[in-house]
């Protein structure tokens, strides 16, 4: 796969014709790692998964947070 084919595949991910998962699987098939494939998409401006915005706040006692044991 040359640079032109790689750029066209990234463009297909950007437009939604190819899923991010399919792109990563194709890059793994070529011998690249998943983080490297994700970095290629990120540098091309393809959206990443959303990070957690607000932390969960339980409404009652014992409804979340760190587990504390004796």
C-alpha atoms as a PDB file:
ATOM      1  CA  UNK A   1       0.000   0.000   0.000  1.00  0.00           C
ATOM      2  CA  UNK A   2       1.480   3.328  -0.985  1.00  0.00           C
ATOM      3  CA  UNK A   3       0.849   6.798   0.413  1.00  0.00           C
ATOM      4  CA  UNK A   4      -1.846   7.645  -2.133  1.00  0.00           C
ATOM      5  CA  UNK A   5      -3.897   4.558  -1.216  1.00  0.00           C
ATOM      6  CA  UNK A   6      -3.427   5.231   2.478  1.00  0.00           C
ATOM      7  CA  UNK A   7      -4.590   8.845   2.137  1.00  0.00           C
ATOM      8  CA  UNK A   8      -7.639   7.767   0.149  1.00  0.00           C
ATOM      9  CA  UNK A   9      -8.528   5.196   2.820  1.00  0.00           C
ATOM     10  CA  UNK A  10      -8.210   7.856   5.543  1.00  0.00           C
ATOM     11  CA  UNK A  11     -10.489  10.106   3.480  1.00  0.00           C
ATOM     12  CA  UNK A  12     -13.036   7.288   3.256  1.00  0.00           C
ATOM     13  CA  UNK A  13     -12.989   7.024   7.053  1.00  0.00           C
ATOM     14  CA  UNK A  14     -13.457  10.799   7.297  1.00  0.00           C
ATOM     15  CA  UNK A  15     -16.492  10.735   4.977  1.00  0.00           C
ATOM     16  CA  UNK A  16     -17.990   7.690   6.690  1.00  0.00           C
ATOM     17  CA  UNK A  17     -17.729   5.203   3.830  1.00  0.00           C
ATOM     18  CA  UNK A  18     -15.302   3.063   5.877  1.00  0.00           C
ATOM     19  CA  UNK A  19     -15.525   2.572   9.648  1.00  0.00           C
ATOM     20  CA  UNK A  20     -12.658   3.364  11.976  1.00  0.00           C
ATOM     21  CA  UNK A  21     -12.672  -0.266  13.078  1.00  0.00           C
ATOM     22  CA  UNK A  22     -12.242  -1.511   9.499  1.00  0.00           C
ATOM     23  CA  UNK A  23      -9.382   0.948   8.959  1.00  0.00           C
ATOM     24  CA  UNK A  24      -7.578  -0.182  12.108  1.00  0.00           C
ATOM     25  CA  UNK A  25      -8.060  -3.843  11.181  1.00  0.00           C
ATOM     26  CA  UNK A  26      -6.645  -3.175   7.714  1.00  0.00           C
ATOM     27  CA  UNK A  27      -3.601  -1.431   9.197  1.00  0.00           C
ATOM     28  CA  UNK A  28      -3.045  -4.310  11.634  1.00  0.00           C
ATOM     29  CA  UNK A  29      -3.177  -6.627   8.629  1.00  0.00           C
ATOM     30  CA  UNK A  30      -0.350  -4.593   7.114  1.00  0.00           C
ATOM     31  CA  UNK A  31       1.734  -5.011  10.277  1.00  0.00           C
ATOM     32  CA  UNK A  32       1.047  -1.726  12.061  1.00  0.00           C
ATOM     33  CA  UNK A  33      -0.160  -1.467  15.638  1.00  0.00           C
ATOM     34  CA  UNK A  34      -3.621  -0.245  16.608  1.00  0.00           C
ATOM     35  CA  UNK A  35      -2.300   2.849  18.451  1.00  0.00           C
ATOM     36  CA  UNK A  36      -0.284   3.828  15.379  1.00  0.00           C
ATOM     37  CA  UNK A  37      -3.350   3.476  13.153  1.00  0.00           C
ATOM     38  CA  UNK A  38      -5.372   5.581  15.608  1.00  0.00           C
ATOM     39  CA  UNK A  39      -2.605   8.198  15.606  1.00  0.00           C
ATOM     40  CA  UNK A  40      -2.727   8.316  11.796  1.00  0.00           C
ATOM     41  CA  UNK A  41      -6.453   9.012  11.952  1.00  0.00           C
ATOM     42  CA  UNK A  42      -5.997  11.623  14.669  1.00  0.00           C
ATOM     43  CA  UNK A  43      -3.336  13.477  12.698  1.00  0.00           C
ATOM     44  CA  UNK A  44      -5.688  13.499   9.694  1.00  0.00           C
ATOM     45  CA  UNK A  45      -8.393  15.159  11.801  1.00  0.00           C
ATOM     46  CA  UNK A  46     -10.757  12.198  12.070  1.00  0.00           C
ATOM     47  CA  UNK A  47     -12.846  12.414  15.255  1.00  0.00           C
ATOM     48  CA  UNK A  48     -11.843  10.371  18.269  1.00  0.00           C
ATOM     49  CA  UNK A  49     -14.150   8.669  20.728  1.00  0.00           C
ATOM     50  CA  UNK A  50     -15.601  11.057  23.275  1.00  0.00           C
ATOM     51  CA  UNK A  51     -13.943  11.181  26.647  1.00  0.00           C
ATOM     52  CA  UNK A  52     -15.895  10.953  29.858  1.00  0.00           C
ATOM     53  CA  UNK A  53     -17.233  14.376  30.620  1.00  0.00           C
ATOM     54  CA  UNK A  54     -18.838  14.381  34.011  1.00  0.00           C
ATOM     55  CA  UNK A  55     -18.171  11.772  36.653  1.00  0.00           C
ATOM     56  CA  UNK A  56     -21.125   9.782  37.964  1.00  0.00           C
ATOM     57  CA  UNK A  57     -22.519  11.209  41.199  1.00  0.00           C
ATOM     58  CA  UNK A  58     -24.705   8.757  43.136  1.00  0.00           C
ATOM     59  CA  UNK A  59     -28.010  10.023  44.466  1.00  0.00           C
ATOM     60  CA  UNK A  60     -27.933   7.919  47.627  1.00  0.00           C
ATOM     61  CA  UNK A  61     -25.375   6.671  50.107  1.00  0.00           C
ATOM     62  CA  UNK A  62     -23.351   3.703  48.877  1.00  0.00           C
ATOM     63  CA  UNK A  63     -24.338   4.291  45.290  1.00  0.00           C
ATOM     64  CA  UNK A  64     -20.865   4.647  43.778  1.00  0.00           C
ATOM     65  CA  UNK A  65     -17.314   5.733  44.253  1.00  0.00           C
ATOM     66  CA  UNK A  66     -14.304   3.890  45.519  1.00  0.00           C
ATOM     67  CA  UNK A  67     -14.834   0.512  47.182  1.00  0.00           C
ATOM     68  CA  UNK A  68     -13.756   0.615  50.814  1.00  0.00           C
ATOM     69  CA  UNK A  69     -13.176  -2.622  52.686  1.00  0.00           C
ATOM     70  CA  UNK A  70     -12.135  -3.373  56.242  1.00  0.00           C
END
